[in-house]
Amino acid sequence: MKRKYLSEKEVHCLLKAAAENQYSVRDYCMISMAFIHGLRVSELVNLKVDDYDSLSAQLNIKRLKNGFCTIQPLLPDENELLQCWLDERKTWDGHESCWLFLSKNGGPLSRQRFWQLLRKYGDEAHLTIKVHPHMLRHACGFNLAERGNDTRLIQDYLGHRNIRHTVHYTASNPERFRNAWTKNNFHSFSCTHAFKKYN
């Protein structure tokens, strides 16, 4: 079965490849934000400049597929990166338009073009799977689950209206079982203690 998500290490490999590109700041910023916020490609390319609040370091995300719209905080490094892109964006054709991410011709970057860029960076990073944009959204979901976030938070973060879409991130994550036998309301079970007792 084909894997439908990227590992965090693979995301870093994509970012490294993007950093060495002609349009490095824009592309690095887009890949980072798609991963960190679990953005669908249309949600990413449809971001507008005024969706970003630099003072509060927040991003207004308009979810598609009837999902919940959310305002999400930006990580400090992410906010700094976005400021770098906005500074560079001022030198681009079309910089007076409302779209956050521009093409080299001054229009909004298309979904197809972002797909092509990801595939290119995946090849340059020598990733063993063919990369497509939705893999970054799935990578976000699995990464949030691995960090111990509960299903309800991940549901809200990704804008899912139906929690069934969220459960597969947490249900397949072995980390959720790690503390099952060490919760405060249970006595910790020791295999070695039992072995020594009976031998």
Protein backbone atom coordinates (compact mmCIF):
# COMPACT_ATOMS: atom_id res chain seq x y z
CA MET A 1 0.00 0.00 0.00
CA LYS A 2 1.35 3.41 -0.97
CA ARG A 3 2.24 5.75 1.86
CA LYS A 4 0.11 8.89 1.74
CA TYR A 5 2.16 11.13 4.01
CA LEU A 6 5.69 12.42 4.50
CA SER A 7 7.79 11.88 7.59
CA GLU A 8 9.15 14.94 9.37
CA LYS A 9 12.61 14.02 8.08
CA GLU A 10 11.31 13.95 4.49
CA VAL A 11 9.71 17.37 4.98
CA HIS A 12 13.10 18.71 6.10
CA CYS A 13 14.67 17.18 2.98
CA LEU A 14 12.11 19.00 0.83
CA LEU A 15 12.84 22.26 2.63
CA LYS A 16 16.58 21.81 2.13
CA ALA A 17 16.03 21.33 -1.61
CA ALA A 18 13.77 24.40 -1.75
CA ALA A 19 16.35 26.51 0.11
CA GLU A 20 18.80 26.00 -2.75
CA ASN A 21 16.33 27.15 -5.41
CA GLN A 22 16.00 30.48 -7.25
CA TYR A 23 12.71 31.25 -5.49
CA SER A 24 13.86 29.79 -2.20
CA VAL A 25 12.12 32.14 0.26
CA ARG A 26 8.68 31.80 -1.33
CA ASP A 27 8.89 28.04 -1.83
CA TYR A 28 10.43 27.34 1.59
CA CYS A 29 7.69 29.44 3.17
CA MET A 30 4.91 27.65 1.29
CA ILE A 31 6.16 24.15 2.12
CA SER A 32 6.67 25.08 5.77
CA MET A 33 3.21 26.56 6.14
CA ALA A 34 1.48 23.70 4.31
CA PHE A 35 3.13 21.27 6.74
CA ILE A 36 2.78 23.25 9.97
CA HIS A 37 -0.87 24.20 9.39
CA GLY A 38 -1.99 21.12 7.48
CA LEU A 39 -3.11 23.20 4.51
CA ARG A 40 -4.74 21.76 1.44
CA VAL A 41 -3.08 23.07 -1.71
CA SER A 42 -6.08 25.30 -2.55
CA GLU A 43 -6.08 26.71 0.98
CA LEU A 44 -2.39 27.51 0.59
CA VAL A 45 -2.46 29.22 -2.81
CA ASN A 46 -5.64 31.13 -1.88
CA LEU A 47 -4.05 32.79 1.14
CA LYS A 48 -4.17 36.58 0.96
CA VAL A 49 -1.80 39.11 2.44
CA ASP A 50 -4.44 40.30 4.89
CA ASP A 51 -4.91 36.74 6.21
CA TYR A 52 -1.60 37.31 7.98
CA ASP A 53 -1.46 39.46 11.11
CA SER A 54 2.16 40.36 11.74
CA LEU A 55 1.52 42.04 15.10
CA SER A 56 -0.14 39.03 16.70
CA ALA A 57 1.80 36.53 14.55
CA GLN A 58 -1.40 34.77 13.51
CA LEU A 59 -2.79 33.33 10.31
CA ASN A 60 -6.46 33.28 9.31
CA ILE A 61 -7.09 29.94 7.61
CA LYS A 62 -10.19 29.54 5.46
CA ARG A 63 -10.78 25.80 5.31
CA LEU A 64 -12.38 24.20 2.27
CA LYS A 65 -14.80 21.24 2.07
CA ASN A 66 -17.09 22.94 4.59
CA GLY A 67 -14.35 22.74 7.22
CA PHE A 68 -14.00 24.96 10.26
CA CYS A 69 -12.11 28.18 9.63
CA THR A 70 -9.49 28.88 12.27
CA ILE A 71 -7.02 31.51 13.39
CA GLN A 72 -3.73 29.80 14.17
CA PRO A 73 -0.59 31.15 15.82
CA LEU A 74 2.61 31.17 13.82
CA LEU A 75 5.76 29.64 15.21
CA PRO A 76 8.48 32.28 15.86
CA ASP A 77 10.73 30.99 13.05
CA GLU A 78 7.74 30.74 10.74
CA ASN A 79 6.73 34.34 11.46
CA GLU A 80 10.27 35.51 10.75
CA LEU A 81 10.31 33.54 7.50
CA LEU A 82 7.02 35.07 6.41
CA GLN A 83 8.40 38.55 7.09
CA CYS A 84 11.40 37.71 4.87
CA TRP A 85 9.06 36.63 2.09
CA LEU A 86 6.94 39.78 2.37
CA ASP A 87 10.10 41.90 2.11
CA GLU A 88 11.17 40.02 -1.02
CA ARG A 89 7.62 40.04 -2.39
CA LYS A 90 7.77 43.85 -2.63
CA THR A 91 10.30 43.46 -5.47
CA TRP A 92 8.11 41.08 -7.51
CA ASP A 93 5.73 41.94 -10.32
CA GLY A 94 2.18 41.98 -8.99
CA HIS A 95 3.24 42.81 -5.44
CA GLU A 96 0.23 45.12 -5.07
CA SER A 97 -2.20 42.23 -5.55
CA CYS A 98 -3.99 40.60 -2.62
CA TRP A 99 -2.43 37.14 -3.03
CA LEU A 100 0.19 36.14 -0.48
CA PHE A 101 2.17 33.86 -2.78
CA LEU A 102 2.91 35.13 -6.28
CA SER A 103 4.10 33.44 -9.44
CA LYS A 104 7.13 34.85 -11.26
CA ASN A 105 4.68 36.58 -13.64
CA GLY A 106 2.99 38.45 -10.81
CA GLY A 107 -0.22 36.43 -10.61
CA PRO A 108 -1.24 34.02 -7.87
CA LEU A 109 0.72 30.78 -7.83
CA SER A 110 -1.48 27.99 -9.17
CA ARG A 111 -2.26 24.65 -7.55
CA GLN A 112 -0.66 22.86 -10.49
CA ARG A 113 2.54 24.89 -10.22
CA PHE A 114 2.91 24.13 -6.51
CA TRP A 115 2.39 20.44 -7.29
CA GLN A 116 5.17 20.64 -9.93
CA LEU A 117 7.50 22.39 -7.50
CA LEU A 118 6.95 19.77 -4.80
CA ARG A 119 7.59 16.94 -7.26
CA LYS A 120 10.77 18.69 -8.39
CA TYR A 121 12.05 19.18 -4.85
CA GLY A 122 11.18 15.59 -3.98
CA ASP A 123 13.30 14.40 -6.90
CA GLU A 124 16.15 16.74 -5.97
CA ALA A 125 16.00 15.48 -2.37
CA HIS A 126 16.11 11.87 -3.68
CA LEU A 127 12.94 10.93 -1.82
CA THR A 128 11.76 7.41 -2.60
CA ILE A 129 8.09 8.39 -2.97
CA LYS A 130 6.41 10.71 -5.45
CA VAL A 131 5.50 13.81 -3.49
CA HIS A 132 2.18 15.61 -3.87
CA PRO A 133 0.77 18.53 -1.84
CA HIS A 134 -1.78 16.58 0.24
CA MET A 135 1.09 14.58 1.73
CA LEU A 136 2.05 17.70 3.70
CA ARG A 137 -1.44 17.90 5.23
CA HIS A 138 -1.29 14.23 6.21
CA ALA A 139 2.24 14.76 7.55
CA CYS A 140 0.88 17.49 9.80
CA GLY A 141 -1.86 15.23 11.16
CA PHE A 142 0.46 12.33 11.90
CA ASN A 143 3.09 14.63 13.40
CA LEU A 144 0.56 16.22 15.74
CA ALA A 145 -0.54 12.74 16.84
CA GLU A 146 3.05 11.65 17.45
CA ARG A 147 3.49 14.67 19.71
CA GLY A 148 0.71 13.40 21.94
CA ASN A 149 -2.08 15.79 20.91
CA ASP A 150 -5.57 14.39 21.38
CA THR A 151 -7.92 13.63 18.53
CA ARG A 152 -10.27 16.53 19.25
CA LEU A 153 -7.48 19.12 19.10
CA ILE A 154 -6.18 17.67 15.83
CA GLN A 155 -9.72 17.73 14.45
CA ASP A 156 -10.08 21.43 15.24
CA TYR A 157 -6.57 22.25 14.04
CA LEU A 158 -7.12 20.63 10.64
CA GLY A 159 -10.66 21.98 10.36
CA HIS A 160 -12.39 18.59 10.13
CA ARG A 161 -16.13 18.73 10.74
CA ASN A 162 -16.31 14.95 11.09
CA ILE A 163 -13.92 13.41 13.61
CA ARG A 164 -13.80 10.21 11.55
CA HIS A 165 -11.44 12.01 9.19
CA THR A 166 -9.12 12.70 12.13
CA VAL A 167 -9.15 9.33 13.86
CA HIS A 168 -6.82 7.61 11.39
CA TYR A 169 -3.98 9.93 12.49
CA THR A 170 -4.28 8.89 16.13
CA ALA A 171 -5.54 5.31 15.70
CA SER A 172 -2.43 4.26 13.78
CA ASN A 173 -0.03 6.06 16.10
CA PRO A 174 1.74 3.65 18.51
CA GLU A 175 2.85 6.53 20.75
CA ARG A 176 -0.66 6.80 22.17
CA PHE A 177 -0.16 3.43 23.89
CA ARG A 178 3.19 4.28 25.45
CA ASN A 179 1.80 5.41 28.82
CA ALA A 180 -1.18 3.07 28.92
CA TRP A 181 0.39 1.08 31.80
CA THR A 182 1.96 4.00 33.62
CA LYS A 183 -0.98 6.32 34.23
CA ASN A 184 -1.23 7.74 37.74
CA ASN A 185 -4.35 5.75 38.52
CA PHE A 186 -2.67 2.41 37.78
CA HIS A 187 0.15 0.60 39.52
CA SER A 188 3.05 0.30 37.12
CA PHE A 189 3.43 -3.27 35.88
CA SER A 190 6.92 -4.77 35.91
CA CYS A 191 7.67 -7.93 33.93
CA THR A 192 11.10 -8.32 35.49
CA HIS A 193 9.67 -8.02 39.01
CA ALA A 194 7.21 -10.82 38.27
CA PHE A 195 9.93 -12.99 36.71
CA LYS A 196 12.20 -12.61 39.75
CA LYS A 197 9.31 -13.36 42.09
CA TYR A 198 8.50 -16.70 40.49
CA ASN A 199 12.09 -17.87 39.97
